[in-house]
Each structure stands twice: as structure tokens, then as C-alpha cells.
Amino acid sequence: MSSNGNSSNKLVVPSAREAMNKFKMEAANEVGVTLKQGYNGDLTSKQAGSVGGQMVKKMIESYENGLK
């Protein structure tokens, strides 16, 4: 992601961007990583990985709960 806020990651549903950002902020909060709005390129690899891993964990849990 570049510092001007443009991303090469495209959402399938562009209107979901706000919900995805909220989801990312919640996941970061759960693992103790402070994110700021916009560019977060100053995170360590460990911090970024923790946030991404928490997001995946929550998505899998949501999917599994939907199967019940």
C-alpha cells in the first residue's frame, strides 16, 4: 500500500471498504496493535501479521458458526 492511500487490493464489493476497515481495526485492537486511519506502513511484520492472522481467525469462526 502506498502512502497516498491507494491500494492494489481491490474489494469485490467496493462499498464494503468501510466495513472491512472497521473489521481490521477491531482485529488490531484484539491483538493489542494500534492502527491509525490511513497508512500504517510503520508497523512491524509481527504486528501486521498478528492483525491479519486475527482477521483470518475471525472469518473462519464466522464461517464455521454459519455451518451450524
C-alpha atoms as a PDB file:
ATOM      1  CA  MET A   1       0.000   0.000   0.000  1.00  0.00           C
ATOM      2  CA  SER A   2       1.369   3.372  -0.871  1.00  0.00           C
ATOM      3  CA  SER A   3       1.420   6.310   1.491  1.00  0.00           C
ATOM      4  CA  ASN A   4      -1.159   8.204  -0.561  1.00  0.00           C
ATOM      5  CA  GLY A   5      -3.866   5.728   0.467  1.00  0.00           C
ATOM      6  CA  ASN A   6      -4.153   3.924  -2.867  1.00  0.00           C
ATOM      7  CA  SER A   7      -4.114   0.161  -2.607  1.00  0.00           C
ATOM      8  CA  SER A   8      -3.572  -2.579  -5.111  1.00  0.00           C
ATOM      9  CA  ASN A   9      -6.007  -4.696  -3.094  1.00  0.00           C
ATOM     10  CA  LYS A  10      -9.415  -4.422  -4.708  1.00  0.00           C
ATOM     11  CA  LEU A  11     -12.564  -5.408  -2.849  1.00  0.00           C
ATOM     12  CA  VAL A  12     -15.131  -7.399  -4.814  1.00  0.00           C
ATOM     13  CA  VAL A  13     -17.811  -5.143  -3.331  1.00  0.00           C
ATOM     14  CA  PRO A  14     -16.306  -1.629  -3.200  1.00  0.00           C
ATOM     15  CA  SER A  15     -18.995  -0.409  -0.787  1.00  0.00           C
ATOM     16  CA  ALA A  16     -17.667  -2.934   1.758  1.00  0.00           C
ATOM     17  CA  ARG A  17     -14.478  -0.894   2.280  1.00  0.00           C
ATOM     18  CA  GLU A  18     -15.794   0.877   5.404  1.00  0.00           C
ATOM     19  CA  ALA A  19     -16.928  -2.408   6.989  1.00  0.00           C
ATOM     20  CA  MET A  20     -13.585  -4.038   6.152  1.00  0.00           C
ATOM     21  CA  ASN A  21     -11.668  -1.141   7.717  1.00  0.00           C
ATOM     22  CA  LYS A  22     -13.811  -1.426  10.863  1.00  0.00           C
ATOM     23  CA  PHE A  23     -13.182  -5.188  10.942  1.00  0.00           C
ATOM     24  CA  LYS A  24      -9.426  -4.584  10.615  1.00  0.00           C
ATOM     25  CA  MET A  25      -9.462  -2.024  13.446  1.00  0.00           C
ATOM     26  CA  GLU A  26     -11.379  -4.441  15.706  1.00  0.00           C
ATOM     27  CA  ALA A  27      -8.946  -7.272  14.962  1.00  0.00           C
ATOM     28  CA  ALA A  28      -5.978  -4.977  15.640  1.00  0.00           C
ATOM     29  CA  ASN A  29      -7.486  -3.894  18.947  1.00  0.00           C
ATOM     30  CA  GLU A  30      -7.999  -7.542  19.967  1.00  0.00           C
ATOM     31  CA  VAL A  31      -4.300  -8.329  19.461  1.00  0.00           C
ATOM     32  CA  GLY A  32      -3.093  -5.074  21.033  1.00  0.00           C
ATOM     33  CA  VAL A  33      -1.910  -3.320  17.865  1.00  0.00           C
ATOM     34  CA  THR A  34      -2.752   0.357  17.456  1.00  0.00           C
ATOM     35  CA  LEU A  35      -3.740   1.288  13.913  1.00  0.00           C
ATOM     36  CA  LYS A  36      -4.317   4.793  12.689  1.00  0.00           C
ATOM     37  CA  GLN A  37      -6.642   5.790   9.876  1.00  0.00           C
ATOM     38  CA  GLY A  38      -4.883   5.604   6.534  1.00  0.00           C
ATOM     39  CA  TYR A  39      -1.294   4.499   6.108  1.00  0.00           C
ATOM     40  CA  ASN A  40       0.146   2.064   8.660  1.00  0.00           C
ATOM     41  CA  GLY A  41       3.438   1.212   6.953  1.00  0.00           C
ATOM     42  CA  ASP A  42       5.325   1.765  10.172  1.00  0.00           C
ATOM     43  CA  LEU A  43       4.008  -1.486  11.674  1.00  0.00           C
ATOM     44  CA  THR A  44       6.459  -4.294  12.208  1.00  0.00           C
ATOM     45  CA  SER A  45       5.961  -7.514  10.262  1.00  0.00           C
ATOM     46  CA  LYS A  46       4.970  -9.190  13.522  1.00  0.00           C
ATOM     47  CA  GLN A  47       2.273  -6.580  14.211  1.00  0.00           C
ATOM     48  CA  ALA A  48       0.883  -6.691  10.681  1.00  0.00           C
ATOM     49  CA  GLY A  49       0.891 -10.489  10.760  1.00  0.00           C
ATOM     50  CA  SER A  50      -0.919 -10.513  14.083  1.00  0.00           C
ATOM     51  CA  VAL A  51      -3.676  -8.305  12.698  1.00  0.00           C
ATOM     52  CA  GLY A  52      -4.022 -10.351   9.509  1.00  0.00           C
ATOM     53  CA  GLY A  53      -3.977 -13.607  11.439  1.00  0.00           C
ATOM     54  CA  GLN A  54      -6.682 -12.370  13.793  1.00  0.00           C
ATOM     55  CA  MET A  55      -8.821 -11.318  10.835  1.00  0.00           C
ATOM     56  CA  VAL A  56      -8.497 -14.779   9.264  1.00  0.00           C
ATOM     57  CA  LYS A  57      -9.270 -16.452  12.598  1.00  0.00           C
ATOM     58  CA  LYS A  58     -12.442 -14.378  12.969  1.00  0.00           C
ATOM     59  CA  MET A  59     -13.506 -15.091   9.367  1.00  0.00           C
ATOM     60  CA  ILE A  60     -13.063 -18.844   9.876  1.00  0.00           C
ATOM     61  CA  GLU A  61     -15.014 -18.724  13.143  1.00  0.00           C
ATOM     62  CA  SER A  62     -17.806 -16.815  11.416  1.00  0.00           C
ATOM     63  CA  TYR A  63     -17.924 -19.337   8.581  1.00  0.00           C
ATOM     64  CA  GLU A  64     -17.938 -22.302  10.987  1.00  0.00           C
ATOM     65  CA  ASN A  65     -20.749 -20.721  13.016  1.00  0.00           C
ATOM     66  CA  GLY A  66     -22.726 -20.288   9.803  1.00  0.00           C
ATOM     67  CA  LEU A  67     -22.445 -24.008   9.132  1.00  0.00           C
ATOM     68  CA  LYS A  68     -24.046 -24.918  12.462  1.00  0.00           C
END
